[in-house]
């Protein structure tokens, strides 16, 4: 199977996830600016989640453009990633309504961790399919950025038990680390 169907399906799912996140945000009931103040935590959680989903979408796009063909294992690995991404509206809403609360912050981190692991599994599955000397294998390499991200998420999960605000800061750090898309593939695919 060519990658275009997988990419189109994944794009649609991610677009729906973002749409659900937006639809779950409640607008103020009056035109007063003061009505926005209680919504700031929800807007903050939405902004972080939107950026994270955008990062996944961007990197997923570059990754699939470097893949020659898709097999069943890649399809399942991709569905695994989409499953964890689909939980973002739930945890985003929960964190937004309970900013700096331990349990919602913990679960946000768990979903973030599982999405990062699922993305790593997708990369490993693609490399196994394409071969050790494939384009992706050469340019993804050890994926130190991905490994560092997982370590930061684990630290954030641990800190959610004691200092949920530190967890939220670490989640923000992750978005800053990845805000510039992974250019390893993009740079080299043009060659």
N, C-alpha and C. Protein backbone atom coordinates (compact mmCIF):
# COMPACT_ATOMS: atom_id res chain seq x y z
N UNK A 1 0.85 -1.18 0.00
CA UNK A 1 0.00 0.00 0.00
C UNK A 1 0.89 1.24 0.00
N UNK A 2 0.44 2.24 -0.72
CA UNK A 2 1.18 3.50 -0.73
C UNK A 2 0.88 4.28 0.55
N UNK A 3 1.74 5.22 0.84
CA UNK A 3 1.60 5.97 2.10
C UNK A 3 0.51 7.03 2.06
N UNK A 4 0.03 7.40 0.88
CA UNK A 4 -0.93 8.50 0.76
C UNK A 4 -2.23 8.22 1.51
N UNK A 5 -2.72 6.97 1.46
CA UNK A 5 -3.96 6.65 2.18
C UNK A 5 -3.75 6.74 3.69
N UNK A 6 -2.63 6.23 4.16
CA UNK A 6 -2.34 6.29 5.59
C UNK A 6 -2.19 7.74 6.05
N UNK A 7 -1.52 8.54 5.25
CA UNK A 7 -1.34 9.94 5.61
C UNK A 7 -2.67 10.69 5.62
N UNK A 8 -3.52 10.44 4.61
CA UNK A 8 -4.82 11.10 4.55
C UNK A 8 -5.70 10.71 5.74
N UNK A 9 -5.70 9.43 6.09
CA UNK A 9 -6.48 8.96 7.23
C UNK A 9 -5.97 9.61 8.52
N UNK A 10 -4.67 9.60 8.71
CA UNK A 10 -4.07 10.18 9.92
C UNK A 10 -4.34 11.67 10.01
N UNK A 11 -4.23 12.38 8.89
CA UNK A 11 -4.53 13.81 8.87
C UNK A 11 -5.97 14.06 9.30
N UNK A 12 -6.89 13.24 8.79
CA UNK A 12 -8.30 13.41 9.14
C UNK A 12 -8.54 13.16 10.62
N UNK A 13 -7.92 12.12 11.17
CA UNK A 13 -8.10 11.82 12.60
C UNK A 13 -7.55 12.94 13.46
N UNK A 14 -6.38 13.44 13.13
CA UNK A 14 -5.78 14.53 13.91
C UNK A 14 -6.64 15.79 13.80
N UNK A 15 -7.17 16.06 12.62
CA UNK A 15 -8.05 17.22 12.46
C UNK A 15 -9.31 17.08 13.32
N UNK A 16 -9.85 15.88 13.38
CA UNK A 16 -11.04 15.64 14.21
C UNK A 16 -10.70 15.80 15.69
N UNK A 17 -9.54 15.32 16.10
CA UNK A 17 -9.10 15.45 17.50
C UNK A 17 -9.03 16.93 17.88
N UNK A 18 -8.42 17.73 17.03
CA UNK A 18 -8.30 19.17 17.31
C UNK A 18 -9.69 19.81 17.33
N UNK A 19 -10.55 19.41 16.41
CA UNK A 19 -11.92 19.95 16.38
C UNK A 19 -12.66 19.62 17.66
N UNK A 20 -12.53 18.40 18.14
CA UNK A 20 -13.18 18.01 19.39
C UNK A 20 -12.67 18.85 20.55
N UNK A 21 -11.36 19.08 20.58
CA UNK A 21 -10.79 19.91 21.64
C UNK A 21 -11.40 21.30 21.63
N UNK A 22 -11.53 21.88 20.44
CA UNK A 22 -12.10 23.23 20.33
C UNK A 22 -13.56 23.22 20.75
N UNK A 23 -14.31 22.23 20.30
CA UNK A 23 -15.74 22.18 20.61
C UNK A 23 -16.02 21.97 22.10
N UNK A 24 -15.08 21.36 22.80
CA UNK A 24 -15.26 21.13 24.23
C UNK A 24 -14.95 22.37 25.07
N UNK A 25 -14.37 23.39 24.45
CA UNK A 25 -14.11 24.63 25.18
C UNK A 25 -15.41 25.42 25.25
N UNK A 26 -15.76 25.83 26.44
CA UNK A 26 -17.00 26.57 26.63
C UNK A 26 -16.74 28.07 26.54
N UNK A 27 -17.53 28.73 25.72
CA UNK A 27 -17.41 30.18 25.55
C UNK A 27 -18.05 30.88 26.74
N UNK A 28 -17.60 32.10 27.05
CA UNK A 28 -18.23 32.87 28.13
C UNK A 28 -19.71 33.13 27.81
N UNK A 29 -20.50 33.24 28.84
CA UNK A 29 -21.94 33.45 28.67
C UNK A 29 -22.31 34.93 28.54
N UNK A 30 -21.35 35.80 28.82
CA UNK A 30 -21.59 37.24 28.67
C UNK A 30 -20.47 37.85 27.84
N UNK A 31 -20.60 39.12 27.55
CA UNK A 31 -19.57 39.80 26.76
C UNK A 31 -18.50 40.45 27.64
N UNK A 32 -18.56 40.18 28.92
CA UNK A 32 -17.62 40.77 29.87
C UNK A 32 -16.24 40.12 29.76
N UNK A 33 -15.21 40.93 29.79
CA UNK A 33 -13.83 40.43 29.73
C UNK A 33 -13.50 39.63 30.99
N UNK A 34 -14.16 39.96 32.10
CA UNK A 34 -13.91 39.25 33.35
C UNK A 34 -14.31 37.78 33.24
N UNK A 35 -15.23 37.47 32.33
CA UNK A 35 -15.67 36.09 32.12
C UNK A 35 -14.54 35.22 31.55
N UNK A 36 -13.55 35.85 30.94
CA UNK A 36 -12.44 35.10 30.35
C UNK A 36 -11.45 34.60 31.40
N UNK A 37 -11.35 35.30 32.51
CA UNK A 37 -10.36 34.96 33.53
C UNK A 37 -10.48 33.50 33.99
N UNK A 38 -11.67 33.00 34.33
CA UNK A 38 -11.75 31.60 34.75
C UNK A 38 -11.43 30.61 33.61
N UNK A 39 -11.48 31.09 32.38
CA UNK A 39 -11.22 30.21 31.24
C UNK A 39 -9.74 30.15 30.86
N UNK A 40 -8.91 30.98 31.47
CA UNK A 40 -7.49 31.02 31.12
C UNK A 40 -6.79 29.67 31.31
N UNK A 41 -7.05 28.92 32.39
CA UNK A 41 -6.41 27.60 32.50
C UNK A 41 -6.80 26.67 31.35
N UNK A 42 -8.06 26.73 30.94
CA UNK A 42 -8.52 25.90 29.83
C UNK A 42 -7.84 26.33 28.54
N UNK A 43 -7.72 27.62 28.32
CA UNK A 43 -7.03 28.13 27.12
C UNK A 43 -5.56 27.74 27.12
N UNK A 44 -4.93 27.78 28.29
CA UNK A 44 -3.53 27.38 28.43
C UNK A 44 -3.36 25.91 28.08
N UNK A 45 -4.21 25.05 28.65
CA UNK A 45 -4.14 23.61 28.36
C UNK A 45 -4.41 23.34 26.89
N UNK A 46 -5.38 24.06 26.31
CA UNK A 46 -5.69 23.90 24.90
C UNK A 46 -4.50 24.29 24.04
N UNK A 47 -3.86 25.41 24.36
CA UNK A 47 -2.73 25.88 23.56
C UNK A 47 -1.59 24.86 23.56
N UNK A 48 -1.26 24.33 24.73
CA UNK A 48 -0.19 23.33 24.80
C UNK A 48 -0.58 22.09 23.99
N UNK A 49 -1.80 21.61 24.17
CA UNK A 49 -2.24 20.41 23.44
C UNK A 49 -2.30 20.65 21.94
N UNK A 50 -2.76 21.82 21.54
CA UNK A 50 -2.83 22.15 20.12
C UNK A 50 -1.43 22.12 19.51
N UNK A 51 -0.47 22.71 20.20
CA UNK A 51 0.91 22.72 19.70
C UNK A 51 1.46 21.30 19.63
N UNK A 52 1.20 20.51 20.66
CA UNK A 52 1.69 19.12 20.67
C UNK A 52 1.09 18.34 19.51
N UNK A 53 -0.21 18.46 19.30
CA UNK A 53 -0.85 17.77 18.18
C UNK A 53 -0.30 18.27 16.84
N UNK A 54 -0.05 19.57 16.75
CA UNK A 54 0.54 20.12 15.54
C UNK A 54 1.94 19.58 15.28
N UNK A 55 2.70 19.40 16.34
CA UNK A 55 4.05 18.84 16.23
C UNK A 55 3.97 17.40 15.73
N UNK A 56 3.06 16.62 16.32
CA UNK A 56 2.89 15.23 15.86
C UNK A 56 2.47 15.20 14.40
N UNK A 57 1.52 16.05 14.03
CA UNK A 57 1.04 16.07 12.65
C UNK A 57 2.18 16.41 11.69
N UNK A 58 2.96 17.43 12.03
CA UNK A 58 4.06 17.86 11.19
C UNK A 58 5.12 16.77 11.03
N UNK A 59 5.56 16.20 12.14
CA UNK A 59 6.60 15.18 12.08
C UNK A 59 6.09 13.90 11.42
N UNK A 60 4.82 13.56 11.65
CA UNK A 60 4.21 12.39 11.02
C UNK A 60 4.20 12.58 9.50
N UNK A 61 3.87 13.77 9.08
CA UNK A 61 3.86 14.11 7.65
C UNK A 61 5.24 13.87 7.02
N UNK A 62 6.27 14.40 7.65
CA UNK A 62 7.63 14.23 7.14
C UNK A 62 8.04 12.76 7.15
N UNK A 63 7.69 12.07 8.22
CA UNK A 63 8.04 10.66 8.35
C UNK A 63 7.42 9.85 7.21
N UNK A 64 6.13 10.05 6.96
CA UNK A 64 5.46 9.25 5.92
C UNK A 64 5.94 9.59 4.52
N UNK A 65 6.44 10.80 4.31
CA UNK A 65 6.97 11.14 2.99
C UNK A 65 8.29 10.44 2.70
N UNK A 66 8.91 9.90 3.73
CA UNK A 66 10.16 9.18 3.54
C UNK A 66 9.95 7.67 3.46
N UNK A 67 8.71 7.22 3.62
CA UNK A 67 8.40 5.79 3.60
C UNK A 67 8.02 5.40 2.17
N UNK A 68 8.55 4.26 1.72
CA UNK A 68 8.26 3.80 0.36
C UNK A 68 6.92 3.07 0.27
N UNK A 69 6.64 2.20 1.24
CA UNK A 69 5.37 1.47 1.22
C UNK A 69 4.95 1.14 2.66
N UNK A 70 3.68 0.90 2.81
CA UNK A 70 3.10 0.64 4.13
C UNK A 70 2.62 -0.80 4.18
N UNK A 71 2.88 -1.46 5.31
CA UNK A 71 2.36 -2.81 5.51
C UNK A 71 1.44 -2.83 6.73
N UNK A 72 0.91 -3.99 7.05
CA UNK A 72 -0.03 -4.13 8.16
C UNK A 72 0.56 -3.71 9.50
N UNK A 73 1.81 -4.03 9.74
CA UNK A 73 2.44 -3.65 11.02
C UNK A 73 2.52 -2.13 11.16
N UNK A 74 2.85 -1.47 10.07
CA UNK A 74 2.91 0.00 10.11
C UNK A 74 1.52 0.57 10.34
N UNK A 75 0.51 -0.02 9.69
CA UNK A 75 -0.88 0.44 9.90
C UNK A 75 -1.27 0.35 11.38
N UNK A 76 -0.95 -0.79 12.00
CA UNK A 76 -1.31 -0.97 13.41
C UNK A 76 -0.50 -0.05 14.33
N UNK A 77 0.77 0.13 14.01
CA UNK A 77 1.60 1.06 14.80
C UNK A 77 1.05 2.48 14.69
N UNK A 78 0.59 2.84 13.51
CA UNK A 78 0.02 4.18 13.29
C UNK A 78 -1.30 4.32 14.06
N UNK A 79 -2.14 3.28 14.04
CA UNK A 79 -3.39 3.32 14.80
C UNK A 79 -3.11 3.43 16.30
N UNK A 80 -2.06 2.78 16.75
CA UNK A 80 -1.67 2.87 18.16
C UNK A 80 -1.35 4.33 18.52
N UNK A 81 -0.60 4.99 17.65
CA UNK A 81 -0.29 6.41 17.86
C UNK A 81 -1.58 7.24 17.87
N UNK A 82 -2.44 7.02 16.89
CA UNK A 82 -3.68 7.80 16.80
C UNK A 82 -4.58 7.57 18.01
N UNK A 83 -4.56 6.37 18.57
CA UNK A 83 -5.35 6.11 19.78
C UNK A 83 -4.92 7.05 20.90
N UNK A 84 -3.62 7.12 21.15
CA UNK A 84 -3.14 7.96 22.25
C UNK A 84 -3.37 9.44 21.96
N UNK A 85 -3.21 9.84 20.71
CA UNK A 85 -3.49 11.23 20.36
C UNK A 85 -4.98 11.54 20.55
N UNK A 86 -5.84 10.56 20.31
CA UNK A 86 -7.29 10.80 20.43
C UNK A 86 -7.72 11.05 21.87
N UNK A 87 -6.88 10.74 22.82
CA UNK A 87 -7.20 11.00 24.23
C UNK A 87 -6.86 12.43 24.67
N UNK A 88 -6.21 13.19 23.80
CA UNK A 88 -5.85 14.56 24.15
C UNK A 88 -7.04 15.45 24.49
N UNK A 89 -8.16 15.37 23.75
CA UNK A 89 -9.30 16.22 24.16
C UNK A 89 -9.76 15.94 25.59
N UNK A 90 -9.78 14.68 25.98
CA UNK A 90 -10.20 14.32 27.33
C UNK A 90 -9.25 14.88 28.39
N UNK A 91 -7.95 14.58 28.24
CA UNK A 91 -7.00 15.03 29.28
C UNK A 91 -6.80 16.54 29.25
N UNK A 92 -6.94 17.14 28.07
CA UNK A 92 -6.82 18.60 27.96
C UNK A 92 -7.96 19.27 28.72
N UNK A 93 -9.17 18.78 28.51
CA UNK A 93 -10.31 19.33 29.24
C UNK A 93 -10.18 19.14 30.73
N UNK A 94 -9.71 17.97 31.13
CA UNK A 94 -9.58 17.67 32.56
C UNK A 94 -8.53 18.57 33.21
N UNK A 95 -7.40 18.72 32.55
CA UNK A 95 -6.34 19.60 33.08
C UNK A 95 -6.82 21.05 33.06
N UNK A 96 -7.50 21.44 31.99
CA UNK A 96 -7.97 22.82 31.88
C UNK A 96 -8.94 23.21 32.97
N UNK A 97 -9.78 22.28 33.38
CA UNK A 97 -10.74 22.55 34.46
C UNK A 97 -10.12 22.39 35.85
N UNK A 98 -8.95 21.76 35.91
CA UNK A 98 -8.30 21.48 37.20
C UNK A 98 -6.80 21.72 37.10
N UNK A 99 -6.43 22.90 36.60
CA UNK A 99 -5.02 23.20 36.39
C UNK A 99 -4.24 23.06 37.70
N UNK A 100 -3.12 22.38 37.60
CA UNK A 100 -2.20 22.13 38.71
C UNK A 100 -2.74 21.14 39.74
N UNK A 101 -3.80 20.41 39.39
CA UNK A 101 -4.27 19.33 40.25
C UNK A 101 -3.47 18.07 39.92
N UNK A 102 -3.18 17.26 40.94
CA UNK A 102 -2.28 16.12 40.77
C UNK A 102 -2.76 15.10 39.74
N UNK A 103 -3.95 14.58 39.92
CA UNK A 103 -4.42 13.46 39.09
C UNK A 103 -4.61 13.86 37.62
N UNK A 104 -5.28 14.98 37.31
CA UNK A 104 -5.37 15.35 35.89
C UNK A 104 -3.99 15.60 35.26
N UNK A 105 -3.09 16.22 36.01
CA UNK A 105 -1.73 16.48 35.51
C UNK A 105 -1.00 15.16 35.26
N UNK A 106 -1.19 14.21 36.16
CA UNK A 106 -0.60 12.88 36.00
C UNK A 106 -1.12 12.21 34.73
N UNK A 107 -2.43 12.21 34.55
CA UNK A 107 -3.01 11.55 33.39
C UNK A 107 -2.63 12.25 32.08
N UNK A 108 -2.50 13.55 32.11
CA UNK A 108 -2.03 14.28 30.93
C UNK A 108 -0.64 13.76 30.56
N UNK A 109 0.21 13.61 31.56
CA UNK A 109 1.56 13.10 31.33
C UNK A 109 1.57 11.67 30.81
N UNK A 110 0.68 10.85 31.33
CA UNK A 110 0.61 9.46 30.87
C UNK A 110 0.22 9.41 29.39
N UNK A 111 -0.77 10.20 29.00
CA UNK A 111 -1.18 10.23 27.59
C UNK A 111 -0.03 10.77 26.73
N UNK A 112 0.63 11.80 27.20
CA UNK A 112 1.77 12.36 26.47
C UNK A 112 2.89 11.32 26.33
N UNK A 113 3.17 10.60 27.40
CA UNK A 113 4.20 9.55 27.38
C UNK A 113 3.83 8.44 26.40
N UNK A 114 2.60 7.99 26.47
CA UNK A 114 2.18 6.89 25.60
C UNK A 114 2.18 7.32 24.13
N UNK A 115 1.84 8.57 23.86
CA UNK A 115 1.91 9.06 22.47
C UNK A 115 3.36 9.09 21.99
N UNK A 116 4.27 9.53 22.86
CA UNK A 116 5.69 9.56 22.49
C UNK A 116 6.23 8.15 22.25
N UNK A 117 5.83 7.22 23.10
CA UNK A 117 6.25 5.82 22.92
C UNK A 117 5.64 5.26 21.64
N UNK A 118 4.38 5.56 21.39
CA UNK A 118 3.71 5.07 20.18
C UNK A 118 4.38 5.62 18.93
N UNK A 119 4.79 6.87 18.96
CA UNK A 119 5.50 7.45 17.81
C UNK A 119 6.83 6.74 17.61
N UNK A 120 7.50 6.46 18.70
CA UNK A 120 8.79 5.74 18.63
C UNK A 120 8.57 4.34 18.07
N UNK A 121 7.50 3.67 18.49
CA UNK A 121 7.18 2.34 17.95
C UNK A 121 6.91 2.43 16.46
N UNK A 122 6.20 3.46 16.02
CA UNK A 122 5.93 3.65 14.60
C UNK A 122 7.24 3.79 13.82
N UNK A 123 8.16 4.59 14.35
CA UNK A 123 9.46 4.75 13.68
C UNK A 123 10.20 3.42 13.61
N UNK A 124 10.23 2.69 14.71
CA UNK A 124 10.94 1.40 14.74
C UNK A 124 10.30 0.42 13.76
N UNK A 125 8.97 0.41 13.70
CA UNK A 125 8.25 -0.48 12.78
C UNK A 125 8.57 -0.12 11.33
N UNK A 126 8.62 1.16 11.03
CA UNK A 126 8.96 1.61 9.67
C UNK A 126 10.39 1.21 9.33
N UNK A 127 11.31 1.42 10.26
CA UNK A 127 12.71 1.06 10.01
C UNK A 127 12.86 -0.44 9.78
N UNK A 128 12.13 -1.26 10.56
CA UNK A 128 12.18 -2.71 10.35
C UNK A 128 11.64 -3.08 8.97
N UNK A 129 10.62 -2.39 8.53
CA UNK A 129 10.02 -2.66 7.22
C UNK A 129 10.93 -2.18 6.09
N UNK A 130 11.51 -1.01 6.25
CA UNK A 130 12.32 -0.41 5.20
C UNK A 130 13.76 -0.93 5.19
N UNK A 131 14.24 -1.39 6.33
CA UNK A 131 15.60 -1.92 6.42
C UNK A 131 16.54 -0.97 7.15
N UNK A 132 17.59 -1.55 7.69
CA UNK A 132 18.56 -0.79 8.49
C UNK A 132 19.31 0.26 7.66
N UNK A 133 19.39 0.05 6.38
CA UNK A 133 20.10 1.00 5.52
C UNK A 133 19.15 1.95 4.80
N UNK A 134 17.92 1.96 5.25
CA UNK A 134 16.91 2.81 4.61
C UNK A 134 17.16 4.28 4.93
N UNK A 135 16.49 5.10 4.17
CA UNK A 135 16.57 6.55 4.35
C UNK A 135 16.21 6.94 5.78
N UNK A 136 15.11 6.41 6.28
CA UNK A 136 14.65 6.78 7.63
C UNK A 136 15.64 6.32 8.68
N UNK A 137 16.14 5.11 8.53
CA UNK A 137 17.11 4.60 9.50
C UNK A 137 18.35 5.49 9.56
N UNK A 138 18.80 5.95 8.41
CA UNK A 138 20.00 6.81 8.36
C UNK A 138 19.76 8.15 9.02
N UNK A 139 18.58 8.75 8.80
CA UNK A 139 18.37 10.12 9.24
C UNK A 139 17.65 10.27 10.57
N UNK A 140 16.97 9.25 11.00
CA UNK A 140 16.39 9.30 12.35
C UNK A 140 17.47 8.94 13.36
N UNK A 141 18.29 7.95 13.01
CA UNK A 141 19.41 7.57 13.88
C UNK A 141 18.96 7.11 15.25
N UNK A 142 19.66 7.55 16.25
CA UNK A 142 19.36 7.15 17.62
C UNK A 142 18.14 7.87 18.18
N UNK A 143 17.70 8.90 17.52
CA UNK A 143 16.54 9.70 17.95
C UNK A 143 16.72 10.20 19.39
N UNK A 144 17.85 10.83 19.62
CA UNK A 144 18.15 11.36 20.96
C UNK A 144 17.10 12.36 21.42
N UNK A 145 16.60 13.17 20.51
CA UNK A 145 15.57 14.16 20.86
C UNK A 145 14.31 13.45 21.38
N UNK A 146 13.94 12.36 20.72
CA UNK A 146 12.78 11.58 21.17
C UNK A 146 13.02 10.93 22.52
N UNK A 147 14.22 10.42 22.72
CA UNK A 147 14.55 9.78 24.00
C UNK A 147 14.58 10.80 25.14
N UNK A 148 15.14 11.97 24.87
CA UNK A 148 15.17 13.03 25.89
C UNK A 148 13.75 13.45 26.24
N UNK A 149 12.90 13.51 25.23
CA UNK A 149 11.49 13.87 25.47
C UNK A 149 10.83 12.89 26.41
N UNK A 150 11.06 11.60 26.19
CA UNK A 150 10.47 10.58 27.06
C UNK A 150 10.97 10.73 28.49
N UNK A 151 12.25 11.03 28.66
CA UNK A 151 12.81 11.23 30.01
C UNK A 151 12.15 12.44 30.68
N UNK A 152 11.98 13.53 29.93
CA UNK A 152 11.34 14.73 30.50
C UNK A 152 9.90 14.43 30.89
N UNK A 153 9.20 13.68 30.05
CA UNK A 153 7.81 13.32 30.39
C UNK A 153 7.77 12.47 31.65
N UNK A 154 8.69 11.52 31.78
CA UNK A 154 8.74 10.70 33.00
C UNK A 154 9.00 11.56 34.23
N UNK A 155 9.90 12.53 34.11
CA UNK A 155 10.15 13.46 35.22
C UNK A 155 8.88 14.27 35.55
N UNK A 156 8.16 14.68 34.51
CA UNK A 156 6.93 15.43 34.73
C UNK A 156 5.88 14.58 35.42
N UNK A 157 5.79 13.33 35.02
CA UNK A 157 4.82 12.42 35.66
C UNK A 157 5.16 12.25 37.13
N UNK A 158 6.43 12.04 37.42
CA UNK A 158 6.85 11.90 38.83
C UNK A 158 6.58 13.17 39.62
N UNK A 159 6.86 14.31 39.02
CA UNK A 159 6.67 15.56 39.76
C UNK A 159 5.19 15.90 39.94
N UNK A 160 4.31 15.30 39.13
CA UNK A 160 2.88 15.58 39.26
C UNK A 160 2.35 15.16 40.63
N UNK A 161 3.00 14.20 41.27
CA UNK A 161 2.57 13.76 42.60
C UNK A 161 2.88 14.80 43.67
N UNK A 162 3.91 15.61 43.44
CA UNK A 162 4.36 16.54 44.46
C UNK A 162 4.22 18.01 44.03
N UNK A 163 4.57 18.28 42.78
CA UNK A 163 4.56 19.64 42.27
C UNK A 163 3.94 19.68 40.87
N UNK A 164 2.62 19.61 40.77
CA UNK A 164 1.97 19.60 39.45
C UNK A 164 2.34 20.79 38.58
N UNK A 165 2.64 21.93 39.18
CA UNK A 165 3.03 23.10 38.39
C UNK A 165 4.35 22.84 37.65
N UNK A 166 5.26 22.11 38.29
CA UNK A 166 6.52 21.75 37.64
C UNK A 166 6.23 20.83 36.45
N UNK A 167 5.28 19.93 36.61
CA UNK A 167 4.89 19.05 35.51
C UNK A 167 4.41 19.85 34.31
N UNK A 168 3.54 20.82 34.57
CA UNK A 168 3.02 21.64 33.47
C UNK A 168 4.13 22.44 32.80
N UNK A 169 5.09 22.90 33.57
CA UNK A 169 6.24 23.61 33.00
C UNK A 169 7.05 22.66 32.12
N UNK A 170 7.23 21.42 32.58
CA UNK A 170 7.98 20.44 31.79
C UNK A 170 7.23 20.08 30.50
N UNK A 171 5.91 20.00 30.57
CA UNK A 171 5.13 19.76 29.34
C UNK A 171 5.31 20.92 28.37
N UNK A 172 5.39 22.12 28.90
CA UNK A 172 5.64 23.29 28.07
C UNK A 172 7.04 23.24 27.47
N UNK A 173 8.02 22.79 28.25
CA UNK A 173 9.40 22.64 27.77
C UNK A 173 9.43 21.68 26.57
N UNK A 174 8.67 20.60 26.66
CA UNK A 174 8.64 19.63 25.56
C UNK A 174 8.13 20.29 24.29
N UNK A 175 7.10 21.11 24.43
CA UNK A 175 6.59 21.79 23.23
C UNK A 175 7.64 22.74 22.65
N UNK A 176 8.41 23.36 23.52
CA UNK A 176 9.46 24.27 23.04
C UNK A 176 10.59 23.51 22.36
N UNK A 177 10.91 22.32 22.88
CA UNK A 177 11.95 21.49 22.26
C UNK A 177 11.54 21.09 20.85
N UNK A 178 10.26 20.77 20.68
CA UNK A 178 9.78 20.24 19.41
C UNK A 178 9.10 21.28 18.52
N UNK A 179 9.00 22.53 18.98
CA UNK A 179 8.27 23.54 18.19
C UNK A 179 8.88 23.71 16.80
N UNK A 180 10.19 23.56 16.72
CA UNK A 180 10.83 23.49 15.41
C UNK A 180 10.74 22.03 15.00
N UNK A 181 10.01 21.75 13.92
CA UNK A 181 9.80 20.35 13.53
C UNK A 181 11.11 19.62 13.32
N UNK A 182 11.03 18.32 13.41
CA UNK A 182 12.18 17.45 13.21
C UNK A 182 12.60 17.57 11.75
N UNK A 183 13.68 18.26 11.50
CA UNK A 183 14.08 18.57 10.13
C UNK A 183 15.04 17.53 9.54
N UNK A 184 15.39 16.50 10.31
CA UNK A 184 16.34 15.52 9.80
C UNK A 184 15.84 14.89 8.50
N UNK A 185 14.56 14.55 8.48
CA UNK A 185 14.01 13.92 7.28
C UNK A 185 13.81 14.97 6.18
N UNK A 186 13.19 16.07 6.54
CA UNK A 186 12.86 17.11 5.55
C UNK A 186 14.10 17.61 4.81
N UNK A 187 15.17 17.86 5.57
CA UNK A 187 16.41 18.34 4.96
C UNK A 187 16.98 17.35 3.96
N UNK A 188 16.93 16.09 4.35
CA UNK A 188 17.60 15.07 3.55
C UNK A 188 16.74 14.48 2.45
N UNK A 189 15.44 14.60 2.55
CA UNK A 189 14.56 14.08 1.49
C UNK A 189 14.67 14.92 0.24
N UNK A 190 15.01 16.20 0.40
CA UNK A 190 15.16 17.08 -0.75
C UNK A 190 16.40 16.75 -1.56
N UNK A 191 17.38 16.13 -0.92
CA UNK A 191 18.62 15.73 -1.61
C UNK A 191 18.29 14.59 -2.51
